[in-house]
Amino acid sequence: MVKHIVLWNFAEGLSEADKTQAGQKMKELLEPIRELVPGALRIQVLANGLPSGNREVALISEFETVEALKTYQEHPAHVEAGKYVRSVTRDRACMDYEC
């Protein structure tokens, strides 16, 4: 199994209402991709966690194989979602690992 975790902060200048809306739209764009990619086991977007964290949005996903992760990353729905995500976020951090 491969885990793919991405963390962001929202772009500067977004109001709290904008952040809520952006987090919901990221969820709506990214989570359904699980149904489109063979080997995608879980795709979950979480926004506005506890104040103890230092990131505002998380993408937590699991794939059967490294190849399935690559297929997800190259899928047209992911590429399109990425355009929106980049427009509302900053400070991206990512970790992929096999377990």
C-alpha atoms as a PDB file:
ATOM      1  CA  MET A   1       0.000   0.000   0.000  1.00  0.00           C
ATOM      2  CA  VAL A   2       1.107   3.562  -0.733  1.00  0.00           C
ATOM      3  CA  LYS A   3       0.061   6.594   1.279  1.00  0.00           C
ATOM      4  CA  HIS A   4       0.046  10.074  -0.269  1.00  0.00           C
ATOM      5  CA  ILE A   5      -0.338  12.956   2.178  1.00  0.00           C
ATOM      6  CA  VAL A   6      -0.401  16.590   1.083  1.00  0.00           C
ATOM      7  CA  LEU A   7      -0.733  19.592   3.385  1.00  0.00           C
ATOM      8  CA  TRP A   8      -1.366  23.227   2.498  1.00  0.00           C
ATOM      9  CA  ASN A   9      -2.260  26.573   3.969  1.00  0.00           C
ATOM     10  CA  PHE A  10      -4.856  28.664   2.219  1.00  0.00           C
ATOM     11  CA  ALA A  11      -3.666  31.524   0.043  1.00  0.00           C
ATOM     12  CA  GLU A  12      -3.126  34.822   1.768  1.00  0.00           C
ATOM     13  CA  GLY A  13      -6.030  37.224   1.636  1.00  0.00           C
ATOM     14  CA  LEU A  14      -8.820  34.644   1.822  1.00  0.00           C
ATOM     15  CA  SER A  15     -11.513  35.394   4.402  1.00  0.00           C
ATOM     16  CA  GLU A  16     -12.715  32.670   6.753  1.00  0.00           C
ATOM     17  CA  ALA A  17     -15.800  32.266   4.553  1.00  0.00           C
ATOM     18  CA  ASP A  18     -13.570  31.972   1.465  1.00  0.00           C
ATOM     19  CA  LYS A  19     -11.465  29.322   3.217  1.00  0.00           C
ATOM     20  CA  THR A  20     -14.557  27.312   4.130  1.00  0.00           C
ATOM     21  CA  GLN A  21     -15.813  27.501   0.549  1.00  0.00           C
ATOM     22  CA  ALA A  22     -12.382  26.624  -0.894  1.00  0.00           C
ATOM     23  CA  GLY A  23     -11.998  23.635   1.426  1.00  0.00           C
ATOM     24  CA  GLN A  24     -15.422  22.333   0.428  1.00  0.00           C
ATOM     25  CA  LYS A  25     -14.690  22.768  -3.274  1.00  0.00           C
ATOM     26  CA  MET A  26     -11.341  20.954  -2.903  1.00  0.00           C
ATOM     27  CA  LYS A  27     -13.223  18.089  -1.238  1.00  0.00           C
ATOM     28  CA  GLU A  28     -15.809  18.034  -4.036  1.00  0.00           C
ATOM     29  CA  LEU A  29     -13.127  18.016  -6.737  1.00  0.00           C
ATOM     30  CA  LEU A  30     -10.645  15.546  -5.245  1.00  0.00           C
ATOM     31  CA  GLU A  31     -12.599  12.907  -3.326  1.00  0.00           C
ATOM     32  CA  PRO A  32     -14.657  11.586  -6.297  1.00  0.00           C
ATOM     33  CA  ILE A  33     -11.449  10.809  -8.200  1.00  0.00           C
ATOM     34  CA  ARG A  34     -11.185   7.650  -6.078  1.00  0.00           C
ATOM     35  CA  GLU A  35     -13.976   6.157  -8.194  1.00  0.00           C
ATOM     36  CA  LEU A  36     -12.119   6.977 -11.423  1.00  0.00           C
ATOM     37  CA  VAL A  37      -8.677   5.547 -10.652  1.00  0.00           C
ATOM     38  CA  PRO A  38      -8.133   1.798 -10.385  1.00  0.00           C
ATOM     39  CA  GLY A  39      -6.189   1.055  -7.215  1.00  0.00           C
ATOM     40  CA  ALA A  40      -7.267   4.216  -5.392  1.00  0.00           C
ATOM     41  CA  LEU A  41      -8.442   3.069  -1.973  1.00  0.00           C
ATOM     42  CA  ARG A  42      -9.065   6.318  -0.089  1.00  0.00           C
ATOM     43  CA  ILE A  43      -9.037  10.028  -0.898  1.00  0.00           C
ATOM     44  CA  GLN A  44     -10.058  12.367   1.896  1.00  0.00           C
ATOM     45  CA  VAL A  45      -9.801  16.151   2.144  1.00  0.00           C
ATOM     46  CA  LEU A  46      -9.849  17.763   5.585  1.00  0.00           C
ATOM     47  CA  ALA A  47      -9.963  21.514   6.130  1.00  0.00           C
ATOM     48  CA  ASN A  48      -9.626  23.782   9.127  1.00  0.00           C
ATOM     49  CA  GLY A  49      -8.308  21.351  11.709  1.00  0.00           C
ATOM     50  CA  LEU A  50      -7.485  22.078  15.317  1.00  0.00           C
ATOM     51  CA  PRO A  51      -5.593  25.258  16.213  1.00  0.00           C
ATOM     52  CA  SER A  52      -2.596  23.167  17.323  1.00  0.00           C
ATOM     53  CA  GLY A  53      -1.721  22.385  13.683  1.00  0.00           C
ATOM     54  CA  ASN A  54       0.228  24.576  11.300  1.00  0.00           C
ATOM     55  CA  ARG A  55      -1.554  23.628   8.065  1.00  0.00           C
ATOM     56  CA  GLU A  56      -5.151  24.390   7.135  1.00  0.00           C
ATOM     57  CA  VAL A  57      -5.909  21.683   4.557  1.00  0.00           C
ATOM     58  CA  ALA A  58      -4.904  18.040   4.301  1.00  0.00           C
ATOM     59  CA  LEU A  59      -5.303  15.467   1.550  1.00  0.00           C
ATOM     60  CA  ILE A  60      -4.921  11.948   2.894  1.00  0.00           C
ATOM     61  CA  SER A  61      -5.008   9.203   0.297  1.00  0.00           C
ATOM     62  CA  GLU A  62      -4.131   5.542  -0.058  1.00  0.00           C
ATOM     63  CA  PHE A  63      -3.366   3.520  -3.167  1.00  0.00           C
ATOM     64  CA  GLU A  64      -2.744  -0.147  -3.812  1.00  0.00           C
ATOM     65  CA  THR A  65       0.557   0.506  -5.621  1.00  0.00           C
ATOM     66  CA  VAL A  66       3.000   3.219  -6.657  1.00  0.00           C
ATOM     67  CA  GLU A  67       1.627   2.809 -10.178  1.00  0.00           C
ATOM     68  CA  ALA A  68      -1.911   3.553  -8.948  1.00  0.00           C
ATOM     69  CA  LEU A  69      -0.601   6.742  -7.288  1.00  0.00           C
ATOM     70  CA  LYS A  70       1.031   7.765 -10.559  1.00  0.00           C
ATOM     71  CA  THR A  71      -2.196   7.069 -12.452  1.00  0.00           C
ATOM     72  CA  TYR A  72      -4.041   9.299  -9.969  1.00  0.00           C
ATOM     73  CA  GLN A  73      -1.507  12.103 -10.330  1.00  0.00           C
ATOM     74  CA  GLU A  74      -1.773  12.008 -14.129  1.00  0.00           C
ATOM     75  CA  HIS A  75      -5.557  11.552 -14.315  1.00  0.00           C
ATOM     76  CA  PRO A  76      -7.275  14.466 -16.123  1.00  0.00           C
ATOM     77  CA  ALA A  77      -9.673  15.006 -13.192  1.00  0.00           C
ATOM     78  CA  HIS A  78      -6.701  15.366 -10.816  1.00  0.00           C
ATOM     79  CA  VAL A  79      -4.857  17.681 -13.180  1.00  0.00           C
ATOM     80  CA  GLU A  80      -7.954  19.880 -13.449  1.00  0.00           C
ATOM     81  CA  ALA A  81      -8.538  19.842  -9.672  1.00  0.00           C
ATOM     82  CA  GLY A  82      -4.895  20.810  -9.180  1.00  0.00           C
ATOM     83  CA  LYS A  83      -5.459  24.051 -11.077  1.00  0.00           C
ATOM     84  CA  TYR A  84      -8.113  25.081  -8.582  1.00  0.00           C
ATOM     85  CA  VAL A  85      -6.141  23.858  -5.566  1.00  0.00           C
ATOM     86  CA  ARG A  86      -3.089  25.894  -6.594  1.00  0.00           C
ATOM     87  CA  SER A  87      -5.283  28.995  -6.933  1.00  0.00           C
ATOM     88  CA  VAL A  88      -6.470  28.848  -3.302  1.00  0.00           C
ATOM     89  CA  THR A  89      -3.472  27.389  -1.445  1.00  0.00           C
ATOM     90  CA  ARG A  90       0.193  27.990  -0.606  1.00  0.00           C
ATOM     91  CA  ASP A  91       2.961  26.262   1.340  1.00  0.00           C
ATOM     92  CA  ARG A  92       2.417  22.772  -0.102  1.00  0.00           C
ATOM     93  CA  ALA A  93       4.103  19.888   1.695  1.00  0.00           C
ATOM     94  CA  CYS A  94       3.877  16.281   0.499  1.00  0.00           C
ATOM     95  CA  MET A  95       4.960  12.872   1.712  1.00  0.00           C
ATOM     96  CA  ASP A  96       4.485   9.590  -0.163  1.00  0.00           C
ATOM     97  CA  TYR A  97       5.472   6.303   1.424  1.00  0.00           C
ATOM     98  CA  GLU A  98       4.925   2.576   1.158  1.00  0.00           C
ATOM     99  CA  CYS A  99       3.561   0.624   4.092  1.00  0.00           C
END
